[in-house]
Amino acid sequence: INNMLDKVDEMIIGGGMAFTFLKVLNNMEIGTSLFDEEGAGIVK
C-alpha cells in the first residue's frame, strides 16, 4: 500500500485488509475478523 500511495488518488481496499480500515476509520466493531495492528498505523 505504501508503495502505491504516491501513484493513486483513491484506493479500494477489500478482503481481510478492509476490516482494519473499517475499524480505524469508522470505529466499526469487527468482532473476530482480521485486524492488522501494525498495518493500522498507515491508515489515515
N, C-alpha and C. Protein backbone atom coordinates (compact mmCIF):
# COMPACT_ATOMS: atom_id res chain seq x y z
N ILE A 1 0.83 -1.19 0.00
CA ILE A 1 0.00 0.00 0.00
C ILE A 1 0.87 1.25 0.00
N ASN A 2 1.87 1.28 0.85
CA ASN A 2 2.73 2.47 0.92
C ASN A 2 3.38 2.77 -0.42
N ASN A 3 3.76 1.74 -1.17
CA ASN A 3 4.41 1.95 -2.46
C ASN A 3 3.47 2.55 -3.49
N MET A 4 2.18 2.34 -3.35
CA MET A 4 1.22 2.81 -4.34
C MET A 4 0.59 4.16 -3.97
N LEU A 5 0.73 4.61 -2.75
CA LEU A 5 0.06 5.83 -2.31
C LEU A 5 0.42 7.07 -3.13
N ASP A 6 1.66 7.16 -3.58
CA ASP A 6 2.04 8.34 -4.36
C ASP A 6 1.64 8.24 -5.83
N LYS A 7 1.06 7.11 -6.23
CA LYS A 7 0.69 6.89 -7.63
C LYS A 7 -0.81 6.95 -7.88
N VAL A 8 -1.61 6.99 -6.82
CA VAL A 8 -3.06 6.95 -6.97
C VAL A 8 -3.72 8.08 -6.18
N ASP A 9 -4.93 8.46 -6.61
CA ASP A 9 -5.72 9.43 -5.86
C ASP A 9 -6.63 8.73 -4.87
N GLU A 10 -7.13 7.57 -5.25
CA GLU A 10 -8.01 6.78 -4.40
C GLU A 10 -7.64 5.31 -4.53
N MET A 11 -7.93 4.53 -3.48
CA MET A 11 -7.60 3.12 -3.49
C MET A 11 -8.77 2.34 -2.90
N ILE A 12 -9.10 1.23 -3.51
CA ILE A 12 -10.15 0.35 -3.00
C ILE A 12 -9.48 -0.77 -2.22
N ILE A 13 -9.89 -0.94 -0.98
CA ILE A 13 -9.34 -1.98 -0.11
C ILE A 13 -10.43 -3.03 0.10
N GLY A 14 -10.10 -4.28 -0.13
CA GLY A 14 -11.08 -5.36 0.03
C GLY A 14 -10.49 -6.50 0.83
N GLY A 15 -11.29 -7.53 1.00
CA GLY A 15 -10.83 -8.71 1.72
C GLY A 15 -10.61 -8.44 3.19
N GLY A 16 -9.76 -9.25 3.79
CA GLY A 16 -9.48 -9.14 5.21
C GLY A 16 -8.87 -7.81 5.61
N MET A 17 -8.12 -7.20 4.69
CA MET A 17 -7.49 -5.91 4.98
C MET A 17 -8.53 -4.82 5.22
N ALA A 18 -9.69 -4.95 4.63
CA ALA A 18 -10.73 -3.93 4.76
C ALA A 18 -11.18 -3.77 6.21
N PHE A 19 -11.15 -4.83 6.98
CA PHE A 19 -11.60 -4.75 8.37
C PHE A 19 -10.71 -3.81 9.19
N THR A 20 -9.41 -3.82 8.92
CA THR A 20 -8.51 -2.91 9.62
C THR A 20 -8.88 -1.47 9.32
N PHE A 21 -9.15 -1.16 8.04
CA PHE A 21 -9.53 0.19 7.65
C PHE A 21 -10.87 0.58 8.27
N LEU A 22 -11.84 -0.32 8.24
CA LEU A 22 -13.16 -0.01 8.79
C LEU A 22 -13.09 0.29 10.29
N LYS A 23 -12.29 -0.50 11.01
CA LYS A 23 -12.17 -0.29 12.45
C LYS A 23 -11.48 1.04 12.76
N VAL A 24 -10.41 1.34 12.04
CA VAL A 24 -9.64 2.56 12.32
C VAL A 24 -10.39 3.81 11.87
N LEU A 25 -10.92 3.80 10.65
CA LEU A 25 -11.54 5.00 10.09
C LEU A 25 -12.96 5.25 10.59
N ASN A 26 -13.72 4.19 10.80
CA ASN A 26 -15.14 4.34 11.16
C ASN A 26 -15.44 3.85 12.57
N ASN A 27 -14.41 3.45 13.31
CA ASN A 27 -14.59 2.91 14.66
C ASN A 27 -15.64 1.79 14.66
N MET A 28 -15.64 0.99 13.60
CA MET A 28 -16.62 -0.08 13.43
C MET A 28 -16.22 -1.32 14.23
N GLU A 29 -17.17 -1.93 14.89
CA GLU A 29 -16.93 -3.20 15.56
C GLU A 29 -16.73 -4.27 14.50
N ILE A 30 -15.62 -5.01 14.58
CA ILE A 30 -15.35 -6.04 13.58
C ILE A 30 -15.34 -7.44 14.18
N GLY A 31 -15.67 -7.54 15.45
CA GLY A 31 -15.75 -8.85 16.10
C GLY A 31 -14.42 -9.59 16.02
N THR A 32 -14.46 -10.83 15.55
CA THR A 32 -13.26 -11.65 15.47
C THR A 32 -12.63 -11.61 14.08
N SER A 33 -13.06 -10.66 13.25
CA SER A 33 -12.50 -10.53 11.91
C SER A 33 -11.04 -10.10 11.99
N LEU A 34 -10.32 -10.29 10.89
CA LEU A 34 -8.91 -9.95 10.84
C LEU A 34 -8.67 -8.48 11.15
N PHE A 35 -7.63 -8.21 11.95
CA PHE A 35 -7.22 -6.84 12.24
C PHE A 35 -5.71 -6.82 12.31
N ASP A 36 -5.08 -5.96 11.54
CA ASP A 36 -3.63 -5.85 11.48
C ASP A 36 -3.20 -4.64 12.31
N GLU A 37 -2.74 -4.91 13.51
CA GLU A 37 -2.34 -3.84 14.43
C GLU A 37 -1.23 -2.98 13.84
N GLU A 38 -0.23 -3.62 13.24
CA GLU A 38 0.88 -2.88 12.64
C GLU A 38 0.41 -2.08 11.42
N GLY A 39 -0.43 -2.69 10.60
CA GLY A 39 -0.95 -2.02 9.41
C GLY A 39 -1.88 -0.87 9.74
N ALA A 40 -2.49 -0.91 10.92
CA ALA A 40 -3.42 0.15 11.31
C ALA A 40 -2.70 1.50 11.41
N GLY A 41 -1.40 1.47 11.59
CA GLY A 41 -0.64 2.71 11.71
C GLY A 41 -0.57 3.51 10.43
N ILE A 42 -0.77 2.87 9.26
CA ILE A 42 -0.69 3.61 8.00
C ILE A 42 -2.04 4.14 7.55
N VAL A 43 -3.10 3.73 8.23
CA VAL A 43 -4.45 4.16 7.85
C VAL A 43 -4.64 5.61 8.26
N LYS A 44 -5.06 6.45 7.32
CA LYS A 44 -5.26 7.88 7.62
C LYS A 44 -6.65 8.27 7.24
